[in-house]
Amino acid sequence: MLGKAALIMESFRPTGGPYRLTELAQRAGLPKPTVHRLAADLVELGWLERTGDGRYRLGHRLFELGSLVPRRRDLREAALPFLQDLFEATRETVHLGVREGLEGVYLERIHGHD
């Protein structure tokens, strides 16, 4: 069951969704009833969220868990003062990312409130 849940979570690559249940099942290569059951569990855990129109997207709990990774947290903490300075100087959104394999992983984003 954990492997099937992982297939669902990996289905959000590379765009992050949101996806309807049918599309999520196709992307994961799993039967729709299985995805429905597991997606409900993942929503309860906060790993997925439902949008107003019933689609699924990645949940904020994943970001919280990811921020606990020590190596990345140390880098984020070291870079944060510089990111804040850059934001203050430009008033533009500032991102901190690292390369992981062939993909980028964002560790921090600072943006203004409109």
PDB file of N, CA and C in Angstrom:
ATOM      1  N   MET A   1       0.822  -1.190   0.000  1.00  0.00           N
ATOM      2  CA  MET A   1       0.000   0.000   0.000  1.00  0.00           C
ATOM      3  C   MET A   1       0.869   1.258   0.000  1.00  0.00           C
ATOM      4  N   LEU A   2       1.993   1.224   0.716  1.00  0.00           N
ATOM      5  CA  LEU A   2       2.885   2.383   0.742  1.00  0.00           C
ATOM      6  C   LEU A   2       3.436   2.671  -0.653  1.00  0.00           C
ATOM      7  N   GLY A   3       3.756   1.604  -1.382  1.00  0.00           N
ATOM      8  CA  GLY A   3       4.250   1.779  -2.745  1.00  0.00           C
ATOM      9  C   GLY A   3       3.225   2.441  -3.647  1.00  0.00           C
ATOM     10  N   LYS A   4       1.960   2.086  -3.467  1.00  0.00           N
ATOM     11  CA  LYS A   4       0.901   2.699  -4.277  1.00  0.00           C
ATOM     12  C   LYS A   4       0.712   4.167  -3.902  1.00  0.00           C
ATOM     13  N   ALA A   5       0.803   4.462  -2.616  1.00  0.00           N
ATOM     14  CA  ALA A   5       0.711   5.865  -2.183  1.00  0.00           C
ATOM     15  C   ALA A   5       1.869   6.668  -2.771  1.00  0.00           C
ATOM     16  N   ALA A   6       3.055   6.051  -2.820  1.00  0.00           N
ATOM     17  CA  ALA A   6       4.213   6.730  -3.404  1.00  0.00           C
ATOM     18  C   ALA A   6       3.987   6.997  -4.893  1.00  0.00           C
ATOM     19  N   LEU A   7       3.366   6.056  -5.602  1.00  0.00           N
ATOM     20  CA  LEU A   7       3.058   6.275  -7.019  1.00  0.00           C
ATOM     21  C   LEU A   7       2.127   7.472  -7.193  1.00  0.00           C
ATOM     22  N   ILE A   8       1.168   7.596  -6.299  1.00  0.00           N
ATOM     23  CA  ILE A   8       0.253   8.746  -6.364  1.00  0.00           C
ATOM     24  C   ILE A   8       1.024  10.039  -6.141  1.00  0.00           C
ATOM     25  N   MET A   9       1.860  10.058  -5.116  1.00  0.00           N
ATOM     26  CA  MET A   9       2.615  11.277  -4.811  1.00  0.00           C
ATOM     27  C   MET A   9       3.561  11.631  -5.956  1.00  0.00           C
ATOM     28  N   GLU A  10       4.217  10.644  -6.534  1.00  0.00           N
ATOM     29  CA  GLU A  10       5.143  10.878  -7.649  1.00  0.00           C
ATOM     30  C   GLU A  10       4.407  11.343  -8.904  1.00  0.00           C
ATOM     31  N   SER A  11       3.111  11.078  -8.991  1.00  0.00           N
ATOM     32  CA  SER A  11       2.319  11.492 -10.153  1.00  0.00           C
ATOM     33  C   SER A  11       2.238  12.995 -10.297  1.00  0.00           C
ATOM     34  N   PHE A  12       2.536  13.705  -9.233  1.00  0.00           N
ATOM     35  CA  PHE A  12       2.456  15.164  -9.279  1.00  0.00           C
ATOM     36  C   PHE A  12       3.678  15.787  -9.942  1.00  0.00           C
ATOM     37  N   ARG A  13       4.668  14.992 -10.290  1.00  0.00           N
ATOM     38  CA  ARG A  13       5.840  15.508 -10.982  1.00  0.00           C
ATOM     39  C   ARG A  13       5.517  15.666 -12.448  1.00  0.00           C
ATOM     40  N   PRO A  14       5.998  16.582 -13.193  1.00  0.00           N
ATOM     41  CA  PRO A  14       6.824  17.682 -12.745  1.00  0.00           C
ATOM     42  C   PRO A  14       6.029  18.941 -12.417  1.00  0.00           C
ATOM     43  N   THR A  15       4.710  18.946 -12.705  1.00  0.00           N
ATOM     44  CA  THR A  15       3.965  20.205 -12.603  1.00  0.00           C
ATOM     45  C   THR A  15       3.362  20.480 -11.234  1.00  0.00           C
ATOM     46  N   GLY A  16       3.104  19.457 -10.440  1.00  0.00           N
ATOM     47  CA  GLY A  16       2.522  19.658  -9.118  1.00  0.00           C
ATOM     48  C   GLY A  16       1.007  19.675  -9.101  1.00  0.00           C
ATOM     49  N   GLY A  17       0.373  19.504 -10.252  1.00  0.00           N
ATOM     50  CA  GLY A  17      -1.085  19.444 -10.293  1.00  0.00           C
ATOM     51  C   GLY A  17      -1.713  20.820 -10.284  1.00  0.00           C
ATOM     52  N   PRO A  18      -2.949  20.954  -9.926  1.00  0.00           N
ATOM     53  CA  PRO A  18      -3.843  19.934  -9.372  1.00  0.00           C
ATOM     54  C   PRO A  18      -4.439  19.034 -10.461  1.00  0.00           C
ATOM     55  N   TYR A  19      -4.869  17.829 -10.039  1.00  0.00           N
ATOM     56  CA  TYR A  19      -5.415  16.839 -10.958  1.00  0.00           C
ATOM     57  C   TYR A  19      -6.740  16.303 -10.447  1.00  0.00           C
ATOM     58  N   ARG A  20      -7.611  15.978 -11.381  1.00  0.00           N
ATOM     59  CA  ARG A  20      -8.855  15.280 -11.041  1.00  0.00           C
ATOM     60  C   ARG A  20      -8.512  13.829 -10.720  1.00  0.00           C
ATOM     61  N   LEU A  21      -9.408  13.148 -10.038  1.00  0.00           N
ATOM     62  CA  LEU A  21      -9.172  11.768  -9.627  1.00  0.00           C
ATOM     63  C   LEU A  21      -8.838  10.875 -10.816  1.00  0.00           C
ATOM     64  N   THR A  22      -9.587  11.002 -11.898  1.00  0.00           N
ATOM     65  CA  THR A  22      -9.346  10.174 -13.084  1.00  0.00           C
ATOM     66  C   THR A  22      -7.945  10.402 -13.636  1.00  0.00           C
ATOM     67  N   GLU A  23      -7.547  11.650 -13.730  1.00  0.00           N
ATOM     68  CA  GLU A  23      -6.214  11.971 -14.249  1.00  0.00           C
ATOM     69  C   GLU A  23      -5.127  11.463 -13.310  1.00  0.00           C
ATOM     70  N   LEU A  24      -5.353  11.587 -12.016  1.00  0.00           N
ATOM     71  CA  LEU A  24      -4.384  11.111 -11.032  1.00  0.00           C
ATOM     72  C   LEU A  24      -4.224   9.596 -11.136  1.00  0.00           C
ATOM     73  N   ALA A  25      -5.326   8.884 -11.313  1.00  0.00           N
ATOM     74  CA  ALA A  25      -5.275   7.426 -11.467  1.00  0.00           C
ATOM     75  C   ALA A  25      -4.498   7.043 -12.722  1.00  0.00           C
ATOM     76  N   GLN A  26      -4.728   7.759 -13.815  1.00  0.00           N
ATOM     77  CA  GLN A  26      -4.000   7.481 -15.058  1.00  0.00           C
ATOM     78  C   GLN A  26      -2.514   7.740 -14.884  1.00  0.00           C
ATOM     79  N   ARG A  27      -2.174   8.864 -14.275  1.00  0.00           N
ATOM     80  CA  ARG A  27      -0.769   9.218 -14.091  1.00  0.00           C
ATOM     81  C   ARG A  27      -0.059   8.220 -13.180  1.00  0.00           C
ATOM     82  N   ALA A  28      -0.764   7.721 -12.161  1.00  0.00           N
ATOM     83  CA  ALA A  28      -0.169   6.769 -11.216  1.00  0.00           C
ATOM     84  C   ALA A  28      -0.182   5.345 -11.761  1.00  0.00           C
ATOM     85  N   GLY A  29      -1.005   5.091 -12.768  1.00  0.00           N
ATOM     86  CA  GLY A  29      -1.127   3.740 -13.308  1.00  0.00           C
ATOM     87  C   GLY A  29      -1.841   2.798 -12.351  1.00  0.00           C
ATOM     88  N   LEU A  30      -2.790   3.345 -11.601  1.00  0.00           N
ATOM     89  CA  LEU A  30      -3.524   2.566 -10.604  1.00  0.00           C
ATOM     90  C   LEU A  30      -5.019   2.660 -10.881  1.00  0.00           C
ATOM     91  N   PRO A  31      -5.788   1.661 -10.403  1.00  0.00           N
ATOM     92  CA  PRO A  31      -7.241   1.735 -10.563  1.00  0.00           C
ATOM     93  C   PRO A  31      -7.821   2.939  -9.816  1.00  0.00           C
ATOM     94  N   LYS A  32      -8.850   3.503 -10.400  1.00  0.00           N
ATOM     95  CA  LYS A  32      -9.482   4.688  -9.820  1.00  0.00           C
ATOM     96  C   LYS A  32      -9.966   4.454  -8.377  1.00  0.00           C
ATOM     97  N   PRO A  33     -10.602   3.310  -8.052  1.00  0.00           N
ATOM     98  CA  PRO A  33     -11.029   3.104  -6.658  1.00  0.00           C
ATOM     99  C   PRO A  33      -9.857   3.081  -5.670  1.00  0.00           C
ATOM    100  N   THR A  34      -8.731   2.523  -6.087  1.00  0.00           N
ATOM    101  CA  THR A  34      -7.542   2.491  -5.227  1.00  0.00           C
ATOM    102  C   THR A  34      -7.032   3.901  -4.980  1.00  0.00           C
ATOM    103  N   VAL A  35      -6.956   4.696  -6.034  1.00  0.00           N
ATOM    104  CA  VAL A  35      -6.483   6.075  -5.902  1.00  0.00           C
ATOM    105  C   VAL A  35      -7.450   6.878  -5.038  1.00  0.00           C
ATOM    106  N   HIS A  36      -8.741   6.648  -5.207  1.00  0.00           N
ATOM    107  CA  HIS A  36      -9.741   7.360  -4.397  1.00  0.00           C
ATOM    108  C   HIS A  36      -9.530   7.070  -2.911  1.00  0.00           C
ATOM    109  N   ARG A  37      -9.369   5.806  -2.569  1.00  0.00           N
ATOM    110  CA  ARG A  37      -9.178   5.403  -1.169  1.00  0.00           C
ATOM    111  C   ARG A  37      -7.875   5.969  -0.603  1.00  0.00           C
ATOM    112  N   LEU A  38      -6.785   5.808  -1.330  1.00  0.00           N
ATOM    113  CA  LEU A  38      -5.491   6.283  -0.839  1.00  0.00           C
ATOM    114  C   LEU A  38      -5.421   7.808  -0.814  1.00  0.00           C
ATOM    115  N   ALA A  39      -6.025   8.458  -1.794  1.00  0.00           N
ATOM    116  CA  ALA A  39      -6.024   9.924  -1.812  1.00  0.00           C
ATOM    117  C   ALA A  39      -6.772  10.471  -0.598  1.00  0.00           C
ATOM    118  N   ALA A  40      -7.856   9.807  -0.202  1.00  0.00           N
ATOM    119  CA  ALA A  40      -8.587  10.244   0.995  1.00  0.00           C
ATOM    120  C   ALA A  40      -7.687  10.149   2.227  1.00  0.00           C
ATOM    121  N   ASP A  41      -6.908   9.068   2.323  1.00  0.00           N
ATOM    122  CA  ASP A  41      -5.965   8.931   3.442  1.00  0.00           C
ATOM    123  C   ASP A  41      -4.889  10.011   3.388  1.00  0.00           C
ATOM    124  N   LEU A  42      -4.375  10.294   2.197  1.00  0.00           N
ATOM    125  CA  LEU A  42      -3.329  11.306   2.039  1.00  0.00           C
ATOM    126  C   LEU A  42      -3.852  12.705   2.353  1.00  0.00           C
ATOM    127  N   VAL A  43      -5.114  12.959   2.045  1.00  0.00           N
ATOM    128  CA  VAL A  43      -5.731  14.242   2.409  1.00  0.00           C
ATOM    129  C   VAL A  43      -5.822  14.346   3.926  1.00  0.00           C
ATOM    130  N   GLU A  44      -6.233  13.254   4.570  1.00  0.00           N
ATOM    131  CA  GLU A  44      -6.343  13.251   6.031  1.00  0.00           C
ATOM    132  C   GLU A  44      -4.989  13.521   6.693  1.00  0.00           C
ATOM    133  N   LEU A  45      -3.916  13.032   6.089  1.00  0.00           N
ATOM    134  CA  LEU A  45      -2.563  13.259   6.609  1.00  0.00           C
ATOM    135  C   LEU A  45      -2.029  14.654   6.281  1.00  0.00           C
ATOM    136  N   GLY A  46      -2.686  15.347   5.365  1.00  0.00           N
ATOM    137  CA  GLY A  46      -2.211  16.665   4.951  1.00  0.00           C
ATOM    138  C   GLY A  46      -1.190  16.612   3.831  1.00  0.00           C
ATOM    139  N   TRP A  47      -0.949  15.427   3.280  1.00  0.00           N
ATOM    140  CA  TRP A  47       0.009  15.290   2.185  1.00  0.00           C
ATOM    141  C   TRP A  47      -0.603  15.711   0.859  1.00  0.00           C
ATOM    142  N   LEU A  48      -1.931  15.599   0.764  1.00  0.00           N
ATOM    143  CA  LEU A  48      -2.679  16.111  -0.378  1.00  0.00           C
ATOM    144  C   LEU A  48      -3.764  17.035   0.148  1.00  0.00           C
ATOM    145  N   GLU A  49      -4.233  17.912  -0.728  1.00  0.00           N
ATOM    146  CA  GLU A  49      -5.351  18.801  -0.407  1.00  0.00           C
ATOM    147  C   GLU A  49      -6.351  18.733  -1.548  1.00  0.00           C
ATOM    148  N   ARG A  50      -7.619  18.985  -1.232  1.00  0.00           N
ATOM    149  CA  ARG A  50      -8.661  19.073  -2.256  1.00  0.00           C
ATOM    150  C   ARG A  50      -8.908  20.535  -2.571  1.00  0.00           C
ATOM    151  N   THR A  51      -9.011  20.838  -3.852  1.00  0.00           N
ATOM    152  CA  THR A  51      -9.339  22.198  -4.264  1.00  0.00           C
ATOM    153  C   THR A  51     -10.856  22.368  -4.228  1.00  0.00           C
ATOM    154  N   GLY A  52     -11.320  23.579  -4.407  1.00  0.00           N
ATOM    155  CA  GLY A  52     -12.749  23.856  -4.395  1.00  0.00           C
ATOM    156  C   GLY A  52     -13.527  23.090  -5.449  1.00  0.00           C
ATOM    157  N   ASP A  53     -12.870  22.758  -6.563  1.00  0.00           N
ATOM    158  CA  ASP A  53     -13.553  22.009  -7.623  1.00  0.00           C
ATOM    159  C   ASP A  53     -13.274  20.510  -7.550  1.00  0.00           C
ATOM    160  N   GLY A  54     -12.721  20.046  -6.417  1.00  0.00           N
ATOM    161  CA  GLY A  54     -12.555  18.614  -6.189  1.00  0.00           C
ATOM    162  C   GLY A  54     -11.265  18.005  -6.698  1.00  0.00           C
ATOM    163  N   ARG A  55     -10.382  18.811  -7.261  1.00  0.00           N
ATOM    164  CA  ARG A  55      -9.108  18.264  -7.731  1.00  0.00           C
ATOM    165  C   ARG A  55      -8.150  18.107  -6.559  1.00  0.00           C
ATOM    166  N   TYR A  56      -7.102  17.341  -6.782  1.00  0.00           N
ATOM    167  CA  TYR A  56      -6.092  17.089  -5.752  1.00  0.00           C
ATOM    168  C   TYR A  56      -4.819  17.859  -6.069  1.00  0.00           C
ATOM    169  N   ARG A  57      -4.200  18.382  -5.012  1.00  0.00           N
ATOM    170  CA  ARG A  57      -2.894  19.032  -5.143  1.00  0.00           C
ATOM    171  C   ARG A  57      -2.062  18.633  -3.931  1.00  0.00           C
ATOM    172  N   LEU A  58      -0.759  18.873  -4.023  1.00  0.00           N
ATOM    173  CA  LEU A  58       0.133  18.552  -2.916  1.00  0.00           C
ATOM    174  C   LEU A  58      -0.218  19.407  -1.707  1.00  0.00           C
ATOM    175  N   GLY A  59      -0.130  18.803  -0.523  1.00  0.00           N
ATOM    176  CA  GLY A  59      -0.493  19.491   0.704  1.00  0.00           C
ATOM    177  C   GLY A  59       0.682  20.188   1.366  1.00  0.00           C
ATOM    178  N   HIS A  60       0.360  21.122   2.228  1.00  0.00           N
ATOM    179  CA  HIS A  60       1.382  21.893   2.933  1.00  0.00           C
ATOM    180  C   HIS A  60       2.194  21.042   3.905  1.00  0.00           C
ATOM    181  N   ARG A  61       1.650  19.937   4.340  1.00  0.00           N
ATOM    182  CA  ARG A  61       2.374  19.071   5.277  1.00  0.00           C
ATOM    183  C   ARG A  61       3.679  18.566   4.654  1.00  0.00           C
ATOM    184  N   LEU A  62       3.696  18.376   3.348  1.00  0.00           N
ATOM    185  CA  LEU A  62       4.921  17.932   2.674  1.00  0.00           C
ATOM    186  C   LEU A  62       6.024  18.968   2.805  1.00  0.00           C
ATOM    187  N   PHE A  63       5.661  20.242   2.663  1.00  0.00           N
ATOM    188  CA  PHE A  63       6.652  21.302   2.815  1.00  0.00           C
ATOM    189  C   PHE A  63       7.193  21.312   4.241  1.00  0.00           C
ATOM    190  N   GLU A  64       6.305  21.142   5.206  1.00  0.00           N
ATOM    191  CA  GLU A  64       6.732  21.114   6.605  1.00  0.00           C
ATOM    192  C   GLU A  64       7.717  19.979   6.849  1.00  0.00           C
ATOM    193  N   LEU A  65       7.420  18.809   6.322  1.00  0.00           N
ATOM    194  CA  LEU A  65       8.326  17.670   6.491  1.00  0.00           C
ATOM    195  C   LEU A  65       9.645  17.902   5.765  1.00  0.00           C
ATOM    196  N   GLY A  66       9.572  18.427   4.557  1.00  0.00           N
ATOM    197  CA  GLY A  66      10.784  18.694   3.786  1.00  0.00           C
ATOM    198  C   GLY A  66      11.690  19.709   4.449  1.00  0.00           C
ATOM    199  N   SER A  67      11.092  20.649   5.153  1.00  0.00           N
ATOM    200  CA  SER A  67      11.911  21.672   5.808  1.00  0.00           C
ATOM    201  C   SER A  67      12.687  21.117   6.994  1.00  0.00           C
ATOM    202  N   LEU A  68      12.382  19.895   7.405  1.00  0.00           N
ATOM    203  CA  LEU A  68      13.097  19.275   8.520  1.00  0.00           C
ATOM    204  C   LEU A  68      14.381  18.574   8.092  1.00  0.00           C
ATOM    205  N   VAL A  69      14.607  18.469   6.799  1.00  0.00           N
ATOM    206  CA  VAL A  69      15.825  17.818   6.313  1.00  0.00           C
ATOM    207  C   VAL A  69      17.012  18.681   6.720  1.00  0.00           C
ATOM    208  N   PRO A  70      17.928  18.152   7.538  1.00  0.00           N
ATOM    209  CA  PRO A  70      18.989  18.981   8.125  1.00  0.00           C
ATOM    210  C   PRO A  70      19.868  19.717   7.127  1.00  0.00           C
ATOM    211  N   ARG A  71      20.361  19.056   6.107  1.00  0.00           N
ATOM    212  CA  ARG A  71      21.275  19.705   5.164  1.00  0.00           C
ATOM    213  C   ARG A  71      20.617  20.915   4.521  1.00  0.00           C
ATOM    214  N   ARG A  72      19.422  20.752   4.100  1.00  0.00           N
ATOM    215  CA  ARG A  72      18.730  21.847   3.434  1.00  0.00           C
ATOM    216  C   ARG A  72      18.363  22.947   4.416  1.00  0.00           C
ATOM    217  N   ARG A  73      18.001  22.572   5.618  1.00  0.00           N
ATOM    218  CA  ARG A  73      17.632  23.576   6.606  1.00  0.00           C
ATOM    219  C   ARG A  73      18.832  24.440   6.940  1.00  0.00           C
ATOM    220  N   ASP A  74      20.008  23.809   7.067  1.00  0.00           N
ATOM    221  CA  ASP A  74      21.215  24.577   7.358  1.00  0.00           C
ATOM    222  C   ASP A  74      21.510  25.573   6.242  1.00  0.00           C
ATOM    223  N   LEU A  75      21.379  25.140   5.006  1.00  0.00           N
ATOM    224  CA  LEU A  75      21.601  26.028   3.866  1.00  0.00           C
ATOM    225  C   LEU A  75      20.575  27.159   3.875  1.00  0.00           C
ATOM    226  N   ARG A  76      19.325  26.812   4.121  1.00  0.00           N
ATOM    227  CA  ARG A  76      18.268  27.820   4.164  1.00  0.00           C
ATOM    228  C   ARG A  76      18.550  28.854   5.238  1.00  0.00           C
ATOM    229  N   GLU A  77      18.918  28.395   6.425  1.00  0.00           N
ATOM    230  CA  GLU A  77      19.194  29.317   7.528  1.00  0.00           C
ATOM    231  C   GLU A  77      20.384  30.220   7.224  1.00  0.00           C
ATOM    232  N   ALA A  78      21.407  29.671   6.564  1.00  0.00           N
ATOM    233  CA  ALA A  78      22.584  30.471   6.220  1.00  0.00           C
ATOM    234  C   ALA A  78      22.250  31.512   5.151  1.00  0.00           C
ATOM    235  N   ALA A  79      21.386  31.150   4.220  1.00  0.00           N
ATOM    236  CA  ALA A  79      21.074  32.047   3.101  1.00  0.00           C
ATOM    237  C   ALA A  79      19.981  33.062   3.422  1.00  0.00           C
ATOM    238  N   LEU A  80      19.160  32.784   4.421  1.00  0.00           N
ATOM    239  CA  LEU A  80      17.988  33.620   4.690  1.00  0.00           C
ATOM    240  C   LEU A  80      18.293  35.111   4.852  1.00  0.00           C
ATOM    241  N   PRO A  81      19.325  35.515   5.601  1.00  0.00           N
ATOM    242  CA  PRO A  81      19.596  36.958   5.703  1.00  0.00           C
ATOM    243  C   PRO A  81      19.902  37.607   4.349  1.00  0.00           C
ATOM    244  N   PHE A  82      20.594  36.883   3.484  1.00  0.00           N
ATOM    245  CA  PHE A  82      20.923  37.410   2.160  1.00  0.00           C
ATOM    246  C   PHE A  82      19.680  37.482   1.274  1.00  0.00           C
ATOM    247  N   LEU A  83      18.817  36.481   1.392  1.00  0.00           N
ATOM    248  CA  LEU A  83      17.565  36.500   0.640  1.00  0.00           C
ATOM    249  C   LEU A  83      16.701  37.682   1.072  1.00  0.00           C
ATOM    250  N   GLN A  84      16.646  37.919   2.372  1.00  0.00           N
ATOM    251  CA  GLN A  84      15.864  39.042   2.886  1.00  0.00           C
ATOM    252  C   GLN A  84      16.438  40.376   2.407  1.00  0.00           C
ATOM    253  N   ASP A  85      17.765  40.495   2.415  1.00  0.00           N
ATOM    254  CA  ASP A  85      18.400  41.718   1.911  1.00  0.00           C
ATOM    255  C   ASP A  85      18.075  41.934   0.434  1.00  0.00           C
ATOM    256  N   LEU A  86      18.146  40.864  -0.340  1.00  0.00           N
ATOM    257  CA  LEU A  86      17.846  40.955  -1.767  1.00  0.00           C
ATOM    258  C   LEU A  86      16.389  41.358  -1.988  1.00  0.00           C
ATOM    259  N   PHE A  87      15.494  40.784  -1.200  1.00  0.00           N
ATOM    260  CA  PHE A  87      14.087  41.162  -1.316  1.00  0.00           C
ATOM    261  C   PHE A  87      13.885  42.633  -0.965  1.00  0.00           C
ATOM    262  N   GLU A  88      14.501  43.077   0.118  1.00  0.00           N
ATOM    263  CA  GLU A  88      14.359  44.478   0.531  1.00  0.00           C
ATOM    264  C   GLU A  88      14.905  45.433  -0.531  1.00  0.00           C
ATOM    265  N   ALA A  89      15.979  45.037  -1.196  1.00  0.00           N
ATOM    266  CA  ALA A  89      16.588  45.896  -2.215  1.00  0.00           C
ATOM    267  C   ALA A  89      15.773  45.936  -3.502  1.00  0.00           C
ATOM    268  N   THR A  90      15.111  44.831  -3.844  1.00  0.00           N
ATOM    269  CA  THR A  90      14.422  44.747  -5.134  1.00  0.00           C
ATOM    270  C   THR A  90      12.903  44.768  -5.036  1.00  0.00           C
ATOM    271  N   ARG A  91      12.366  44.394  -3.880  1.00  0.00           N
ATOM    272  CA  ARG A  91      10.916  44.240  -3.676  1.00  0.00           C
ATOM    273  C   ARG A  91      10.331  43.231  -4.667  1.00  0.00           C
ATOM    274  N   GLU A  92      11.172  42.317  -5.126  1.00  0.00           N
ATOM    275  CA  GLU A  92      10.752  41.247  -6.030  1.00  0.00           C
ATOM    276  C   GLU A  92      10.826  39.917  -5.287  1.00  0.00           C
ATOM    277  N   THR A  93      10.064  38.936  -5.754  1.00  0.00           N
ATOM    278  CA  THR A  93      10.102  37.609  -5.154  1.00  0.00           C
ATOM    279  C   THR A  93      11.497  37.019  -5.295  1.00  0.00           C
ATOM    280  N   VAL A  94      11.983  36.413  -4.217  1.00  0.00           N
ATOM    281  CA  VAL A  94      13.321  35.817  -4.184  1.00  0.00           C
ATOM    282  C   VAL A  94      13.166  34.333  -3.854  1.00  0.00           C
ATOM    283  N   HIS A  95      13.847  33.488  -4.624  1.00  0.00           N
ATOM    284  CA  HIS A  95      13.789  32.043  -4.418  1.00  0.00           C
ATOM    285  C   HIS A  95      15.178  31.519  -4.067  1.00  0.00           C
ATOM    286  N   LEU A  96      15.218  30.486  -3.250  1.00  0.00           N
ATOM    287  CA  LEU A  96      16.445  29.739  -2.993  1.00  0.00           C
ATOM    288  C   LEU A  96      16.178  28.307  -3.411  1.00  0.00           C
ATOM    289  N   GLY A  97      16.988  27.803  -4.320  1.00  0.00           N
ATOM    290  CA  GLY A  97      16.819  26.437  -4.790  1.00  0.00           C
ATOM    291  C   GLY A  97      18.148  25.729  -4.901  1.00  0.00           C
ATOM    292  N   VAL A  98      18.081  24.409  -4.899  1.00  0.00           N
ATOM    293  CA  VAL A  98      19.267  23.582  -5.088  1.00  0.00           C
ATOM    294  C   VAL A  98      18.968  22.570  -6.184  1.00  0.00           C
ATOM    295  N   ARG A  99      20.012  22.111  -6.806  1.00  0.00           N
ATOM    296  CA  ARG A  99      19.874  21.082  -7.833  1.00  0.00           C
ATOM    297  C   ARG A  99      19.919  19.721  -7.161  1.00  0.00           C
ATOM    298  N   GLU A 100      18.983  18.880  -7.526  1.00  0.00           N
ATOM    299  CA  GLU A 100      18.959  17.507  -7.031  1.00  0.00           C
ATOM    300  C   GLU A 100      18.785  16.608  -8.240  1.00  0.00           C
ATOM    301  N   GLY A 101      19.878  16.002  -8.676  1.00  0.00           N
ATOM    302  CA  GLY A 101      19.837  15.232  -9.908  1.00  0.00           C
ATOM    303  C   GLY A 101      19.628  16.176 -11.074  1.00  0.00           C
ATOM    304  N   LEU A 102      18.593  15.919 -11.849  1.00  0.00           N
ATOM    305  CA  LEU A 102      18.271  16.770 -12.989  1.00  0.00           C
ATOM    306  C   LEU A 102      17.168  17.770 -12.673  1.00  0.00           C
ATOM    307  N   GLU A 103      16.771  17.837 -11.417  1.00  0.00           N
ATOM    308  CA  GLU A 103      15.664  18.709 -11.036  1.00  0.00           C
ATOM    309  C   GLU A 103      16.107  19.753 -10.028  1.00  0.00           C
ATOM    310  N   GLY A 104      15.322  20.800  -9.916  1.00  0.00           N
ATOM    311  CA  GLY A 104      15.550  21.825  -8.908  1.00  0.00           C
ATOM    312  C   GLY A 104      14.592  21.636  -7.749  1.00  0.00           C
ATOM    313  N   VAL A 105      15.073  21.883  -6.548  1.00  0.00           N
ATOM    314  CA  VAL A 105      14.248  21.803  -5.343  1.00  0.00           C
ATOM    315  C   VAL A 105      14.301  23.163  -4.669  1.00  0.00           C
ATOM    316  N   TYR A 106      13.151  23.783  -4.488  1.00  0.00           N
ATOM    317  CA  TYR A 106      13.088  25.092  -3.853  1.00  0.00           C
ATOM    318  C   TYR A 106      13.053  24.937  -2.340  1.00  0.00           C
ATOM    319  N   LEU A 107      13.931  25.671  -1.669  1.00  0.00           N
ATOM    320  CA  LEU A 107      14.031  25.603  -0.218  1.00  0.00           C
ATOM    321  C   LEU A 107      13.350  26.771   0.470  1.00  0.00           C
ATOM    322  N   GLU A 108      13.258  27.905  -0.219  1.00  0.00           N
ATOM    323  CA  GLU A 108      12.680  29.101   0.406  1.00  0.00           C
ATOM    324  C   GLU A 108      12.171  30.034  -0.674  1.00  0.00           C
ATOM    325  N   ARG A 109      11.142  30.788  -0.318  1.00  0.00           N
ATOM    326  CA  ARG A 109      10.624  31.838  -1.198  1.00  0.00           C
ATOM    327  C   ARG A 109      10.205  32.999  -0.313  1.00  0.00           C
ATOM    328  N   ILE A 110      10.647  34.183  -0.674  1.00  0.00           N
ATOM    329  CA  ILE A 110      10.248  35.397   0.036  1.00  0.00           C
ATOM    330  C   ILE A 110       9.537  36.286  -0.972  1.00  0.00           C
ATOM    331  N   HIS A 111       8.323  36.689  -0.621  1.00  0.00           N
ATOM    332  CA  HIS A 111       7.559  37.551  -1.521  1.00  0.00           C
ATOM    333  C   HIS A 111       6.731  38.522  -0.705  1.00  0.00           C
ATOM    334  N   GLY A 112       6.392  39.628  -1.346  1.00  0.00           N
ATOM    335  CA  GLY A 112       5.578  40.645  -0.686  1.00  0.00           C
ATOM    336  C   GLY A 112       4.119  40.256  -0.680  1.00  0.00           C
ATOM    337  N   HIS A 113       3.353  40.973   0.087  1.00  0.00           N
ATOM    338  CA  HIS A 113       1.912  40.749   0.152  1.00  0.00           C
ATOM    339  C   HIS A 113       1.211  41.888  -0.555  1.00  0.00           C
ATOM    340  N   ASP A 114       0.381  41.521  -1.532  1.00  0.00           N
ATOM    341  CA  ASP A 114      -0.361  42.542  -2.298  1.00  0.00           C
ATOM    342  C   ASP A 114      -1.717  42.786  -1.685  1.00  0.00           C
TER     343      ASP A 114
END
